[in-house]
Amino acid sequence: MVLPEDDFILLSLINTKLRDEYSSFAELCEEEGVSQQEIINRLEGLGYRYAPEYAAFKRI
């Protein structure tokens, strides 16, 4: 998967994939071949953090 340049679109894409296709963030990153740390860094810059209990990135 090629990550979108816009961080808000990235947030939407990741949360949609987590809701519809994957049971965890680690699984999504492994299957899609993307860097967990890059996504975490970009979304934390927007004020979002991964919440495993919801399997989604939520506002801090």
Protein backbone atom coordinates (compact mmCIF):
# COMPACT_ATOMS: atom_id res chain seq x y z
CA MET A 1 0.00 0.00 0.00
CA VAL A 2 1.21 3.49 -0.82
CA LEU A 3 0.50 5.84 2.08
CA PRO A 4 -1.42 9.02 1.23
CA GLU A 5 0.49 12.27 1.64
CA ASP A 6 -2.36 13.95 3.53
CA ASP A 7 -2.30 12.84 7.19
CA PHE A 8 -6.07 13.19 7.65
CA ILE A 9 -6.69 10.92 4.66
CA LEU A 10 -4.13 8.50 6.14
CA LEU A 11 -6.07 8.51 9.43
CA SER A 12 -9.31 7.73 7.64
CA LEU A 13 -7.73 5.02 5.50
CA ILE A 14 -6.04 3.27 8.42
CA ASN A 15 -9.13 3.36 10.67
CA THR A 16 -11.33 2.10 7.83
CA LYS A 17 -8.97 -0.79 7.11
CA LEU A 18 -8.80 -1.61 10.83
CA ARG A 19 -12.59 -1.63 11.05
CA ASP A 20 -13.26 -3.57 7.85
CA GLU A 21 -10.26 -5.78 7.11
CA TYR A 22 -7.83 -6.28 10.01
CA SER A 23 -8.04 -7.20 13.67
CA SER A 24 -4.93 -5.28 14.73
CA PHE A 25 -2.62 -2.48 13.67
CA ALA A 26 0.37 -4.84 13.56
CA GLU A 27 -1.49 -7.20 11.22
CA LEU A 28 -2.48 -4.32 8.93
CA CYS A 29 1.11 -3.06 8.68
CA GLU A 30 2.54 -6.52 8.08
CA GLU A 31 0.00 -7.46 5.41
CA GLU A 32 0.12 -4.07 3.65
CA GLY A 33 3.92 -3.75 3.90
CA VAL A 34 3.91 -0.37 5.63
CA SER A 35 5.93 1.02 8.54
CA GLN A 36 4.14 1.05 11.89
CA GLN A 37 6.44 3.76 13.18
CA GLU A 38 5.89 6.07 10.20
CA ILE A 39 2.10 5.85 10.62
CA ILE A 40 2.33 6.31 14.40
CA ASN A 41 4.55 9.37 14.00
CA ARG A 42 2.33 10.98 11.39
CA LEU A 43 -0.92 10.38 13.26
CA GLU A 44 0.51 11.43 16.63
CA GLY A 45 1.36 14.71 14.88
CA LEU A 46 -2.40 15.14 14.38
CA GLY A 47 -3.10 14.25 18.02
CA TYR A 48 -4.14 10.62 17.48
CA ARG A 49 -2.81 7.49 19.14
CA TYR A 50 -3.54 3.82 18.49
CA ALA A 51 -6.05 2.43 21.00
CA PRO A 52 -5.82 -1.38 20.89
CA GLU A 53 -9.06 -1.80 22.86
CA TYR A 54 -10.89 -0.13 19.95
CA ALA A 55 -8.51 -1.31 17.20
CA ALA A 56 -8.46 2.28 15.95
CA PHE A 57 -6.55 5.52 16.16
CA LYS A 58 -8.34 7.81 18.62
CA ARG A 59 -7.88 11.46 19.57
CA ILE A 60 -5.45 11.91 22.47
